[in-house]
Structure formats: C-alpha cells, structure tokens
Amino acid sequence: MKTSNYYISGRESNAVSIAAKAPDWFKGRQYKKLAPKYHFFKKYKLDGDEESYTRQYYKEVLDKLDPKEAFEELGEDATLLCWEKPGNFCHRRIVAEWLEKALGVTIEEA
C-alpha cells in the first residue's frame, strides 16, 4: 500500500479515493469510510489547526473503524488518494500512520 494524490497516481489501476469527493475524471474505486467529515475539514481550512483536525479525524472516522478490516478491504496494493500535494498535511498520511501503527506495515508516499 502507498499514498499519493489524484494528479500523480489517479490513473493507476489500484488507485482508491479516500476523499469525500474525487475529481470528476477519476474512475477508480472510492472508499468513503475514510473520508473526513465536512465540518472539521471546513474548520481546518479556516484555521489550519492540524492537531484539532487530527483529533477530530480519529474521533469521528478512524476510531469507528477496524484497521485490519480497512486494510483488507482496500487491498495491500492499493494507492490511497486525496487532493493534497506530497509533503502537505493531509488525512491520507494520518490513515497511513494509523495503519502502520496498528498493523506493523510500512506505507510510503508515492
């Protein structure tokens, strides 16, 4: 498994969107269980508070999911996609860290 954004890896056959909305041209699989909730995403875009966003993302999304089940549903060769450029704060890297910690896997950014 790896992470990337739509523009780098969105045309790969194993690409999986984990955002609330994918680009119109994206034809890959979508896994909305990992999508951030609009209210805390909107708040983050206004205040840039990464710690608050991460806490809310865990509380409202990740804490309600089983990491092993999510990993199996996504597939070990999946490329998890969202909008942000590599190196920018984003939920796909929070997901990667969650899976790495829970399952002992390594998930690189493409």
PDB file of N, CA and C in Angstrom:
ATOM      1  N   MET A   1       0.841  -1.168   0.000  1.00  0.00           N
ATOM      2  CA  MET A   1       0.000   0.000   0.000  1.00  0.00           C
ATOM      3  C   MET A   1       0.892   1.238   0.000  1.00  0.00           C
ATOM      4  N   LYS A   2       0.388   2.275  -0.645  1.00  0.00           N
ATOM      5  CA  LYS A   2       1.083   3.554  -0.645  1.00  0.00           C
ATOM      6  C   LYS A   2       0.038   4.662  -0.670  1.00  0.00           C
ATOM      7  N   THR A   3       0.495   5.894  -0.527  1.00  0.00           N
ATOM      8  CA  THR A   3      -0.390   7.051  -0.604  1.00  0.00           C
ATOM      9  C   THR A   3       0.109   7.990  -1.687  1.00  0.00           C
ATOM     10  N   SER A   4      -0.812   8.785  -2.209  1.00  0.00           N
ATOM     11  CA  SER A   4      -0.464   9.748  -3.244  1.00  0.00           C
ATOM     12  C   SER A   4      -1.637  10.726  -3.392  1.00  0.00           C
ATOM     13  N   ASN A   5      -1.554  11.546  -4.442  1.00  0.00           N
ATOM     14  CA  ASN A   5      -2.703  12.408  -4.745  1.00  0.00           C
ATOM     15  C   ASN A   5      -3.252  12.048  -6.121  1.00  0.00           C
ATOM     16  N   TYR A   6      -4.391  12.623  -6.439  1.00  0.00           N
ATOM     17  CA  TYR A   6      -5.070  12.293  -7.700  1.00  0.00           C
ATOM     18  C   TYR A   6      -4.200  12.568  -8.916  1.00  0.00           C
ATOM     19  N   TYR A   7      -3.486  13.674  -8.911  1.00  0.00           N
ATOM     20  CA  TYR A   7      -2.764  14.097 -10.114  1.00  0.00           C
ATOM     21  C   TYR A   7      -1.521  13.258 -10.375  1.00  0.00           C
ATOM     22  N   ILE A   8      -0.940  12.697  -9.336  1.00  0.00           N
ATOM     23  CA  ILE A   8       0.236  11.845  -9.514  1.00  0.00           C
ATOM     24  C   ILE A   8      -0.176  10.409  -9.837  1.00  0.00           C
ATOM     25  N   SER A   9      -1.156   9.880  -9.111  1.00  0.00           N
ATOM     26  CA  SER A   9      -1.462   8.449  -9.201  1.00  0.00           C
ATOM     27  C   SER A   9      -2.917   8.122  -9.508  1.00  0.00           C
ATOM     28  N   GLY A  10      -3.704   9.112  -9.840  1.00  0.00           N
ATOM     29  CA  GLY A  10      -5.139   8.905 -10.030  1.00  0.00           C
ATOM     30  C   GLY A  10      -5.536   8.024 -11.199  1.00  0.00           C
ATOM     31  N   ARG A  11      -4.618   7.762 -12.097  1.00  0.00           N
ATOM     32  CA  ARG A  11      -4.946   6.904 -13.248  1.00  0.00           C
ATOM     33  C   ARG A  11      -4.409   5.482 -13.093  1.00  0.00           C
ATOM     34  N   GLU A  12      -3.794   5.198 -11.953  1.00  0.00           N
ATOM     35  CA  GLU A  12      -3.306   3.850 -11.688  1.00  0.00           C
ATOM     36  C   GLU A  12      -4.498   2.911 -11.463  1.00  0.00           C
ATOM     37  N   SER A  13      -4.346   1.669 -11.860  1.00  0.00           N
ATOM     38  CA  SER A  13      -5.450   0.712 -11.740  1.00  0.00           C
ATOM     39  C   SER A  13      -5.792   0.383 -10.287  1.00  0.00           C
ATOM     40  N   ASN A  14      -4.856   0.569  -9.383  1.00  0.00           N
ATOM     41  CA  ASN A  14      -5.094   0.255  -7.975  1.00  0.00           C
ATOM     42  C   ASN A  14      -5.379   1.504  -7.133  1.00  0.00           C
ATOM     43  N   ALA A  15      -5.660   2.633  -7.773  1.00  0.00           N
ATOM     44  CA  ALA A  15      -5.946   3.881  -7.073  1.00  0.00           C
ATOM     45  C   ALA A  15      -7.286   3.796  -6.356  1.00  0.00           C
ATOM     46  N   VAL A  16      -7.295   4.297  -5.109  1.00  0.00           N
ATOM     47  CA  VAL A  16      -8.521   4.306  -4.304  1.00  0.00           C
ATOM     48  C   VAL A  16      -8.668   5.683  -3.680  1.00  0.00           C
ATOM     49  N   SER A  17      -9.750   6.363  -4.005  1.00  0.00           N
ATOM     50  CA  SER A  17     -10.037   7.660  -3.403  1.00  0.00           C
ATOM     51  C   SER A  17     -10.508   7.455  -1.969  1.00  0.00           C
ATOM     52  N   ILE A  18      -9.929   8.213  -1.036  1.00  0.00           N
ATOM     53  CA  ILE A  18     -10.413   8.189   0.345  1.00  0.00           C
ATOM     54  C   ILE A  18     -10.917   9.578   0.749  1.00  0.00           C
ATOM     55  N   ALA A  19     -11.210  10.404  -0.236  1.00  0.00           N
ATOM     56  CA  ALA A  19     -11.740  11.748   0.000  1.00  0.00           C
ATOM     57  C   ALA A  19     -13.266  11.722  -0.093  1.00  0.00           C
ATOM     58  N   ALA A  20     -13.890  12.762   0.400  1.00  0.00           N
ATOM     59  CA  ALA A  20     -15.343  12.856   0.310  1.00  0.00           C
ATOM     60  C   ALA A  20     -15.795  13.009  -1.139  1.00  0.00           C
ATOM     61  N   LYS A  21     -14.978  13.702  -1.933  1.00  0.00           N
ATOM     62  CA  LYS A  21     -15.301  13.893  -3.345  1.00  0.00           C
ATOM     63  C   LYS A  21     -14.020  13.769  -4.160  1.00  0.00           C
ATOM     64  N   ALA A  22     -14.089  12.938  -5.164  1.00  0.00           N
ATOM     65  CA  ALA A  22     -12.962  12.756  -6.083  1.00  0.00           C
ATOM     66  C   ALA A  22     -13.155  13.683  -7.286  1.00  0.00           C
ATOM     67  N   PRO A  23     -12.092  13.934  -8.048  1.00  0.00           N
ATOM     68  CA  PRO A  23     -12.252  14.728  -9.272  1.00  0.00           C
ATOM     69  C   PRO A  23     -13.222  14.028 -10.230  1.00  0.00           C
ATOM     70  N   ASP A  24     -13.892  14.795 -11.044  1.00  0.00           N
ATOM     71  CA  ASP A  24     -14.865  14.233 -11.989  1.00  0.00           C
ATOM     72  C   ASP A  24     -14.234  13.211 -12.926  1.00  0.00           C
ATOM     73  N   TRP A  25     -12.963  13.397 -13.270  1.00  0.00           N
ATOM     74  CA  TRP A  25     -12.306  12.495 -14.210  1.00  0.00           C
ATOM     75  C   TRP A  25     -11.868  11.186 -13.568  1.00  0.00           C
ATOM     76  N   PHE A  26     -11.858  11.118 -12.228  1.00  0.00           N
ATOM     77  CA  PHE A  26     -11.371   9.926 -11.536  1.00  0.00           C
ATOM     78  C   PHE A  26     -12.353   8.772 -11.715  1.00  0.00           C
ATOM     79  N   LYS A  27     -11.864   7.663 -12.210  1.00  0.00           N
ATOM     80  CA  LYS A  27     -12.708   6.496 -12.485  1.00  0.00           C
ATOM     81  C   LYS A  27     -12.405   5.312 -11.573  1.00  0.00           C
ATOM     82  N   GLY A  28     -11.517   5.493 -10.610  1.00  0.00           N
ATOM     83  CA  GLY A  28     -11.119   4.406  -9.720  1.00  0.00           C
ATOM     84  C   GLY A  28     -12.118   4.156  -8.611  1.00  0.00           C
ATOM     85  N   ARG A  29     -11.727   3.255  -7.741  1.00  0.00           N
ATOM     86  CA  ARG A  29     -12.550   2.885  -6.589  1.00  0.00           C
ATOM     87  C   ARG A  29     -12.587   4.014  -5.570  1.00  0.00           C
ATOM     88  N   GLN A  30     -13.670   4.065  -4.811  1.00  0.00           N
ATOM     89  CA  GLN A  30     -13.786   5.038  -3.733  1.00  0.00           C
ATOM     90  C   GLN A  30     -14.072   4.304  -2.431  1.00  0.00           C
ATOM     91  N   TYR A  31     -13.401   4.718  -1.373  1.00  0.00           N
ATOM     92  CA  TYR A  31     -13.565   4.122  -0.051  1.00  0.00           C
ATOM     93  C   TYR A  31     -13.925   5.258   0.897  1.00  0.00           C
ATOM     94  N   LYS A  32     -15.196   5.582   0.930  1.00  0.00           N
ATOM     95  CA  LYS A  32     -15.676   6.763   1.659  1.00  0.00           C
ATOM     96  C   LYS A  32     -15.623   6.598   3.176  1.00  0.00           C
ATOM     97  N   LYS A  33     -15.420   5.369   3.648  1.00  0.00           N
ATOM     98  CA  LYS A  33     -15.317   5.169   5.094  1.00  0.00           C
ATOM     99  C   LYS A  33     -14.166   5.981   5.687  1.00  0.00           C
ATOM    100  N   LEU A  34     -13.157   6.302   4.885  1.00  0.00           N
ATOM    101  CA  LEU A  34     -12.003   7.061   5.370  1.00  0.00           C
ATOM    102  C   LEU A  34     -12.077   8.550   5.038  1.00  0.00           C
ATOM    103  N   ALA A  35     -13.161   8.986   4.455  1.00  0.00           N
ATOM    104  CA  ALA A  35     -13.303  10.404   4.097  1.00  0.00           C
ATOM    105  C   ALA A  35     -13.503  11.259   5.347  1.00  0.00           C
ATOM    106  N   PRO A  36     -12.851  12.417   5.399  1.00  0.00           N
ATOM    107  CA  PRO A  36     -13.071  13.328   6.531  1.00  0.00           C
ATOM    108  C   PRO A  36     -14.501  13.864   6.514  1.00  0.00           C
ATOM    109  N   LYS A  37     -14.975  14.228   7.688  1.00  0.00           N
ATOM    110  CA  LYS A  37     -16.302  14.853   7.802  1.00  0.00           C
ATOM    111  C   LYS A  37     -16.179  16.329   7.410  1.00  0.00           C
ATOM    112  N   TYR A  38     -17.193  16.813   6.725  1.00  0.00           N
ATOM    113  CA  TYR A  38     -17.143  18.165   6.176  1.00  0.00           C
ATOM    114  C   TYR A  38     -16.909  19.231   7.249  1.00  0.00           C
ATOM    115  N   HIS A  39     -17.572  19.118   8.396  1.00  0.00           N
ATOM    116  CA  HIS A  39     -17.499  20.196   9.389  1.00  0.00           C
ATOM    117  C   HIS A  39     -16.085  20.402   9.919  1.00  0.00           C
ATOM    118  N   PHE A  40     -15.334  19.338  10.199  1.00  0.00           N
ATOM    119  CA  PHE A  40     -13.977  19.585  10.702  1.00  0.00           C
ATOM    120  C   PHE A  40     -12.987  19.847   9.569  1.00  0.00           C
ATOM    121  N   PHE A  41     -13.282  19.373   8.370  1.00  0.00           N
ATOM    122  CA  PHE A  41     -12.451  19.713   7.218  1.00  0.00           C
ATOM    123  C   PHE A  41     -12.570  21.219   6.933  1.00  0.00           C
ATOM    124  N   LYS A  42     -13.792  21.722   6.947  1.00  0.00           N
ATOM    125  CA  LYS A  42     -14.036  23.148   6.706  1.00  0.00           C
ATOM    126  C   LYS A  42     -13.346  24.002   7.780  1.00  0.00           C
ATOM    127  N   LYS A  43     -13.457  23.570   9.039  1.00  0.00           N
ATOM    128  CA  LYS A  43     -12.804  24.297  10.126  1.00  0.00           C
ATOM    129  C   LYS A  43     -11.289  24.335   9.913  1.00  0.00           C
ATOM    130  N   TYR A  44     -10.698  23.213   9.522  1.00  0.00           N
ATOM    131  CA  TYR A  44      -9.259  23.165   9.280  1.00  0.00           C
ATOM    132  C   TYR A  44      -8.860  24.129   8.160  1.00  0.00           C
ATOM    133  N   LYS A  45      -9.645  24.194   7.107  1.00  0.00           N
ATOM    134  CA  LYS A  45      -9.319  25.096   6.000  1.00  0.00           C
ATOM    135  C   LYS A  45      -9.347  26.551   6.453  1.00  0.00           C
ATOM    136  N   LEU A  46     -10.129  26.846   7.484  1.00  0.00           N
ATOM    137  CA  LEU A  46     -10.193  28.211   8.011  1.00  0.00           C
ATOM    138  C   LEU A  46      -9.077  28.515   9.014  1.00  0.00           C
ATOM    139  N   ASP A  47      -8.801  27.557   9.912  1.00  0.00           N
ATOM    140  CA  ASP A  47      -7.856  27.865  10.986  1.00  0.00           C
ATOM    141  C   ASP A  47      -6.495  27.170  10.864  1.00  0.00           C
ATOM    142  N   GLY A  48      -6.379  26.155  10.015  1.00  0.00           N
ATOM    143  CA  GLY A  48      -5.109  25.463   9.827  1.00  0.00           C
ATOM    144  C   GLY A  48      -4.630  24.664  11.031  1.00  0.00           C
ATOM    145  N   ASP A  49      -5.515  24.374  11.967  1.00  0.00           N
ATOM    146  CA  ASP A  49      -5.146  23.672  13.193  1.00  0.00           C
ATOM    147  C   ASP A  49      -5.054  22.163  12.929  1.00  0.00           C
ATOM    148  N   GLU A  50      -3.843  21.691  12.646  1.00  0.00           N
ATOM    149  CA  GLU A  50      -3.621  20.288  12.307  1.00  0.00           C
ATOM    150  C   GLU A  50      -3.916  19.357  13.482  1.00  0.00           C
ATOM    151  N   GLU A  51      -3.588  19.778  14.695  1.00  0.00           N
ATOM    152  CA  GLU A  51      -3.836  18.939  15.872  1.00  0.00           C
ATOM    153  C   GLU A  51      -5.327  18.725  16.092  1.00  0.00           C
ATOM    154  N   SER A  52      -6.101  19.786  15.985  1.00  0.00           N
ATOM    155  CA  SER A  52      -7.549  19.677  16.148  1.00  0.00           C
ATOM    156  C   SER A  52      -8.146  18.788  15.059  1.00  0.00           C
ATOM    157  N   TYR A  53      -7.709  18.979  13.828  1.00  0.00           N
ATOM    158  CA  TYR A  53      -8.187  18.169  12.713  1.00  0.00           C
ATOM    159  C   TYR A  53      -7.881  16.692  12.962  1.00  0.00           C
ATOM    160  N   THR A  54      -6.656  16.406  13.372  1.00  0.00           N
ATOM    161  CA  THR A  54      -6.252  15.018  13.608  1.00  0.00           C
ATOM    162  C   THR A  54      -7.080  14.396  14.722  1.00  0.00           C
ATOM    163  N   ARG A  55      -7.298  15.126  15.817  1.00  0.00           N
ATOM    164  CA  ARG A  55      -8.140  14.614  16.915  1.00  0.00           C
ATOM    165  C   ARG A  55      -9.549  14.306  16.420  1.00  0.00           C
ATOM    166  N   GLN A  56     -10.139  15.231  15.667  1.00  0.00           N
ATOM    167  CA  GLN A  56     -11.495  15.029  15.155  1.00  0.00           C
ATOM    168  C   GLN A  56     -11.541  13.878  14.160  1.00  0.00           C
ATOM    169  N   TYR A  57     -10.518  13.752  13.333  1.00  0.00           N
ATOM    170  CA  TYR A  57     -10.477  12.676  12.342  1.00  0.00           C
ATOM    171  C   TYR A  57     -10.430  11.319  13.039  1.00  0.00           C
ATOM    172  N   TYR A  58      -9.612  11.210  14.081  1.00  0.00           N
ATOM    173  CA  TYR A  58      -9.594   9.964  14.849  1.00  0.00           C
ATOM    174  C   TYR A  58     -10.949   9.713  15.496  1.00  0.00           C
ATOM    175  N   LYS A  59     -11.476  10.718  16.183  1.00  0.00           N
ATOM    176  CA  LYS A  59     -12.726  10.558  16.943  1.00  0.00           C
ATOM    177  C   LYS A  59     -13.903  10.183  16.042  1.00  0.00           C
ATOM    178  N   GLU A  60     -14.025  10.850  14.903  1.00  0.00           N
ATOM    179  CA  GLU A  60     -15.215  10.675  14.077  1.00  0.00           C
ATOM    180  C   GLU A  60     -15.060   9.687  12.929  1.00  0.00           C
ATOM    181  N   VAL A  61     -13.826   9.305  12.618  1.00  0.00           N
ATOM    182  CA  VAL A  61     -13.612   8.390  11.488  1.00  0.00           C
ATOM    183  C   VAL A  61     -12.826   7.153  11.929  1.00  0.00           C
ATOM    184  N   LEU A  62     -11.558   7.323  12.260  1.00  0.00           N
ATOM    185  CA  LEU A  62     -10.693   6.171  12.490  1.00  0.00           C
ATOM    186  C   LEU A  62     -11.082   5.337  13.700  1.00  0.00           C
ATOM    187  N   ASP A  63     -11.497   5.972  14.782  1.00  0.00           N
ATOM    188  CA  ASP A  63     -11.868   5.216  15.985  1.00  0.00           C
ATOM    189  C   ASP A  63     -13.103   4.340  15.770  1.00  0.00           C
ATOM    190  N   LYS A  64     -13.826   4.574  14.705  1.00  0.00           N
ATOM    191  CA  LYS A  64     -15.025   3.787  14.405  1.00  0.00           C
ATOM    192  C   LYS A  64     -14.740   2.641  13.441  1.00  0.00           C
ATOM    193  N   LEU A  65     -13.492   2.532  13.005  1.00  0.00           N
ATOM    194  CA  LEU A  65     -13.117   1.516  12.028  1.00  0.00           C
ATOM    195  C   LEU A  65     -12.098   0.539  12.615  1.00  0.00           C
ATOM    196  N   ASP A  66     -12.058  -0.641  12.050  1.00  0.00           N
ATOM    197  CA  ASP A  66     -11.059  -1.643  12.399  1.00  0.00           C
ATOM    198  C   ASP A  66      -9.941  -1.549  11.367  1.00  0.00           C
ATOM    199  N   PRO A  67      -8.710  -1.251  11.782  1.00  0.00           N
ATOM    200  CA  PRO A  67      -7.639  -1.067  10.801  1.00  0.00           C
ATOM    201  C   PRO A  67      -7.363  -2.307   9.954  1.00  0.00           C
ATOM    202  N   LYS A  68      -7.442  -3.484  10.555  1.00  0.00           N
ATOM    203  CA  LYS A  68      -7.196  -4.724   9.806  1.00  0.00           C
ATOM    204  C   LYS A  68      -8.265  -4.904   8.726  1.00  0.00           C
ATOM    205  N   GLU A  69      -9.503  -4.658   9.089  1.00  0.00           N
ATOM    206  CA  GLU A  69     -10.605  -4.779   8.132  1.00  0.00           C
ATOM    207  C   GLU A  69     -10.461  -3.756   7.002  1.00  0.00           C
ATOM    208  N   ALA A  70     -10.122  -2.521   7.359  1.00  0.00           N
ATOM    209  CA  ALA A  70      -9.938  -1.474   6.339  1.00  0.00           C
ATOM    210  C   ALA A  70      -8.812  -1.850   5.388  1.00  0.00           C
ATOM    211  N   PHE A  71      -7.691  -2.314   5.941  1.00  0.00           N
ATOM    212  CA  PHE A  71      -6.543  -2.702   5.114  1.00  0.00           C
ATOM    213  C   PHE A  71      -6.939  -3.822   4.146  1.00  0.00           C
ATOM    214  N   GLU A  72      -7.663  -4.806   4.655  1.00  0.00           N
ATOM    215  CA  GLU A  72      -8.082  -5.927   3.809  1.00  0.00           C
ATOM    216  C   GLU A  72      -9.064  -5.475   2.723  1.00  0.00           C
ATOM    217  N   GLU A  73      -9.981  -4.594   3.077  1.00  0.00           N
ATOM    218  CA  GLU A  73     -10.942  -4.089   2.083  1.00  0.00           C
ATOM    219  C   GLU A  73     -10.249  -3.246   1.013  1.00  0.00           C
ATOM    220  N   LEU A  74      -9.260  -2.479   1.416  1.00  0.00           N
ATOM    221  CA  LEU A  74      -8.531  -1.638   0.460  1.00  0.00           C
ATOM    222  C   LEU A  74      -7.614  -2.474  -0.429  1.00  0.00           C
ATOM    223  N   GLY A  75      -6.970  -3.451   0.154  1.00  0.00           N
ATOM    224  CA  GLY A  75      -6.022  -4.288  -0.569  1.00  0.00           C
ATOM    225  C   GLY A  75      -4.605  -3.796  -0.374  1.00  0.00           C
ATOM    226  N   GLU A  76      -3.673  -4.746  -0.203  1.00  0.00           N
ATOM    227  CA  GLU A  76      -2.296  -4.359   0.114  1.00  0.00           C
ATOM    228  C   GLU A  76      -1.597  -3.621  -1.012  1.00  0.00           C
ATOM    229  N   ASP A  77      -2.132  -3.693  -2.242  1.00  0.00           N
ATOM    230  CA  ASP A  77      -1.512  -2.975  -3.361  1.00  0.00           C
ATOM    231  C   ASP A  77      -2.211  -1.655  -3.671  1.00  0.00           C
ATOM    232  N   ALA A  78      -3.163  -1.234  -2.833  1.00  0.00           N
ATOM    233  CA  ALA A  78      -3.914  -0.001  -3.070  1.00  0.00           C
ATOM    234  C   ALA A  78      -3.027   1.234  -2.946  1.00  0.00           C
ATOM    235  N   THR A  79      -3.357   2.246  -3.740  1.00  0.00           N
ATOM    236  CA  THR A  79      -2.758   3.571  -3.604  1.00  0.00           C
ATOM    237  C   THR A  79      -3.861   4.494  -3.117  1.00  0.00           C
ATOM    238  N   LEU A  80      -3.756   4.953  -1.875  1.00  0.00           N
ATOM    239  CA  LEU A  80      -4.779   5.794  -1.256  1.00  0.00           C
ATOM    240  C   LEU A  80      -4.594   7.233  -1.699  1.00  0.00           C
ATOM    241  N   LEU A  81      -5.661   7.814  -2.219  1.00  0.00           N
ATOM    242  CA  LEU A  81      -5.582   9.147  -2.812  1.00  0.00           C
ATOM    243  C   LEU A  81      -6.453  10.169  -2.105  1.00  0.00           C
ATOM    244  N   CYS A  82      -5.929  11.388  -2.046  1.00  0.00           N
ATOM    245  CA  CYS A  82      -6.722  12.573  -1.732  1.00  0.00           C
ATOM    246  C   CYS A  82      -6.129  13.725  -2.540  1.00  0.00           C
ATOM    247  N   TRP A  83      -6.482  14.933  -2.223  1.00  0.00           N
ATOM    248  CA  TRP A  83      -6.159  16.091  -3.056  1.00  0.00           C
ATOM    249  C   TRP A  83      -4.804  16.738  -2.799  1.00  0.00           C
ATOM    250  N   GLU A  84      -4.314  16.644  -1.585  1.00  0.00           N
ATOM    251  CA  GLU A  84      -3.147  17.436  -1.200  1.00  0.00           C
ATOM    252  C   GLU A  84      -1.866  17.016  -1.913  1.00  0.00           C
ATOM    253  N   LYS A  85      -0.983  17.990  -2.101  1.00  0.00           N
ATOM    254  CA  LYS A  85       0.329  17.734  -2.704  1.00  0.00           C
ATOM    255  C   LYS A  85       1.181  16.938  -1.712  1.00  0.00           C
ATOM    256  N   PRO A  86       2.100  16.118  -2.214  1.00  0.00           N
ATOM    257  CA  PRO A  86       3.005  15.391  -1.323  1.00  0.00           C
ATOM    258  C   PRO A  86       3.740  16.363  -0.398  1.00  0.00           C
ATOM    259  N   GLY A  87       3.849  15.977   0.859  1.00  0.00           N
ATOM    260  CA  GLY A  87       4.520  16.815   1.851  1.00  0.00           C
ATOM    261  C   GLY A  87       3.588  17.740   2.600  1.00  0.00           C
ATOM    262  N   ASN A  88       2.401  18.009   2.064  1.00  0.00           N
ATOM    263  CA  ASN A  88       1.428  18.844   2.755  1.00  0.00           C
ATOM    264  C   ASN A  88       0.637  17.992   3.747  1.00  0.00           C
ATOM    265  N   PHE A  89       0.184  18.618   4.810  1.00  0.00           N
ATOM    266  CA  PHE A  89      -0.657  17.933   5.778  1.00  0.00           C
ATOM    267  C   PHE A  89      -1.916  17.421   5.078  1.00  0.00           C
ATOM    268  N   CYS A  90      -2.259  16.153   5.336  1.00  0.00           N
ATOM    269  CA  CYS A  90      -3.472  15.592   4.740  1.00  0.00           C
ATOM    270  C   CYS A  90      -3.895  14.336   5.482  1.00  0.00           C
ATOM    271  N   HIS A  91      -5.136  13.965   5.283  1.00  0.00           N
ATOM    272  CA  HIS A  91      -5.657  12.808   6.005  1.00  0.00           C
ATOM    273  C   HIS A  91      -5.122  11.484   5.484  1.00  0.00           C
ATOM    274  N   ARG A  92      -4.633  11.430   4.253  1.00  0.00           N
ATOM    275  CA  ARG A  92      -4.114  10.142   3.756  1.00  0.00           C
ATOM    276  C   ARG A  92      -2.886   9.716   4.542  1.00  0.00           C
ATOM    277  N   ARG A  93      -2.089  10.675   4.998  1.00  0.00           N
ATOM    278  CA  ARG A  93      -0.924  10.328   5.811  1.00  0.00           C
ATOM    279  C   ARG A  93      -1.335   9.975   7.238  1.00  0.00           C
ATOM    280  N   ILE A  94      -2.419  10.551   7.725  1.00  0.00           N
ATOM    281  CA  ILE A  94      -2.952  10.145   9.033  1.00  0.00           C
ATOM    282  C   ILE A  94      -3.414   8.692   8.945  1.00  0.00           C
ATOM    283  N   VAL A  95      -4.094   8.352   7.857  1.00  0.00           N
ATOM    284  CA  VAL A  95      -4.528   6.975   7.634  1.00  0.00           C
ATOM    285  C   VAL A  95      -3.321   6.048   7.563  1.00  0.00           C
ATOM    286  N   ALA A  96      -2.298   6.453   6.822  1.00  0.00           N
ATOM    287  CA  ALA A  96      -1.097   5.633   6.690  1.00  0.00           C
ATOM    288  C   ALA A  96      -0.468   5.372   8.059  1.00  0.00           C
ATOM    289  N   GLU A  97      -0.343   6.399   8.876  1.00  0.00           N
ATOM    290  CA  GLU A  97       0.243   6.240  10.208  1.00  0.00           C
ATOM    291  C   GLU A  97      -0.620   5.343  11.092  1.00  0.00           C
ATOM    292  N   TRP A  98      -1.930   5.485  10.992  1.00  0.00           N
ATOM    293  CA  TRP A  98      -2.876   4.648  11.745  1.00  0.00           C
ATOM    294  C   TRP A  98      -2.686   3.176  11.374  1.00  0.00           C
ATOM    295  N   LEU A  99      -2.612   2.886  10.084  1.00  0.00           N
ATOM    296  CA  LEU A  99      -2.426   1.509   9.628  1.00  0.00           C
ATOM    297  C   LEU A  99      -1.038   0.986  10.007  1.00  0.00           C
ATOM    298  N   GLU A 100      -0.026   1.809   9.849  1.00  0.00           N
ATOM    299  CA  GLU A 100       1.332   1.397  10.197  1.00  0.00           C
ATOM    300  C   GLU A 100       1.427   1.009  11.671  1.00  0.00           C
ATOM    301  N   LYS A 101       0.877   1.855  12.531  1.00  0.00           N
ATOM    302  CA  LYS A 101       0.933   1.609  13.973  1.00  0.00           C
ATOM    303  C   LYS A 101       0.136   0.367  14.349  1.00  0.00           C
ATOM    304  N   ALA A 102      -1.043   0.220  13.794  1.00  0.00           N
ATOM    305  CA  ALA A 102      -1.918  -0.899  14.162  1.00  0.00           C
ATOM    306  C   ALA A 102      -1.466  -2.232  13.588  1.00  0.00           C
ATOM    307  N   LEU A 103      -0.907  -2.202  12.377  1.00  0.00           N
ATOM    308  CA  LEU A 103      -0.635  -3.448  11.663  1.00  0.00           C
ATOM    309  C   LEU A 103       0.848  -3.749  11.440  1.00  0.00           C
ATOM    310  N   GLY A 104       1.709  -2.807  11.774  1.00  0.00           N
ATOM    311  CA  GLY A 104       3.135  -3.031  11.584  1.00  0.00           C
ATOM    312  C   GLY A 104       3.559  -3.039  10.123  1.00  0.00           C
ATOM    313  N   VAL A 105       2.819  -2.346   9.271  1.00  0.00           N
ATOM    314  CA  VAL A 105       3.159  -2.245   7.856  1.00  0.00           C
ATOM    315  C   VAL A 105       3.848  -0.908   7.599  1.00  0.00           C
ATOM    316  N   THR A 106       4.433  -0.769   6.428  1.00  0.00           N
ATOM    317  CA  THR A 106       5.034   0.499   6.012  1.00  0.00           C
ATOM    318  C   THR A 106       4.267   0.991   4.799  1.00  0.00           C
ATOM    319  N   ILE A 107       3.842   2.245   4.855  1.00  0.00           N
ATOM    320  CA  ILE A 107       3.081   2.834   3.748  1.00  0.00           C
ATOM    321  C   ILE A 107       3.798   4.101   3.311  1.00  0.00           C
ATOM    322  N   GLU A 108       4.396   4.023   2.140  1.00  0.00           N
ATOM    323  CA  GLU A 108       5.186   5.123   1.589  1.00  0.00           C
ATOM    324  C   GLU A 108       4.291   6.094   0.811  1.00  0.00           C
ATOM    325  N   GLU A 109       4.764   7.319   0.681  1.00  0.00           N
ATOM    326  CA  GLU A 109       4.118   8.312  -0.186  1.00  0.00           C
ATOM    327  C   GLU A 109       4.736   8.206  -1.565  1.00  0.00           C
ATOM    328  N   ALA A 110       3.905   8.107  -2.590  1.00  0.00           N
ATOM    329  CA  ALA A 110       4.395   7.976  -3.973  1.00  0.00           C
ATOM    330  C   ALA A 110       4.872   9.323  -4.496  1.00  0.00           C
TER     331      ALA A 110
END
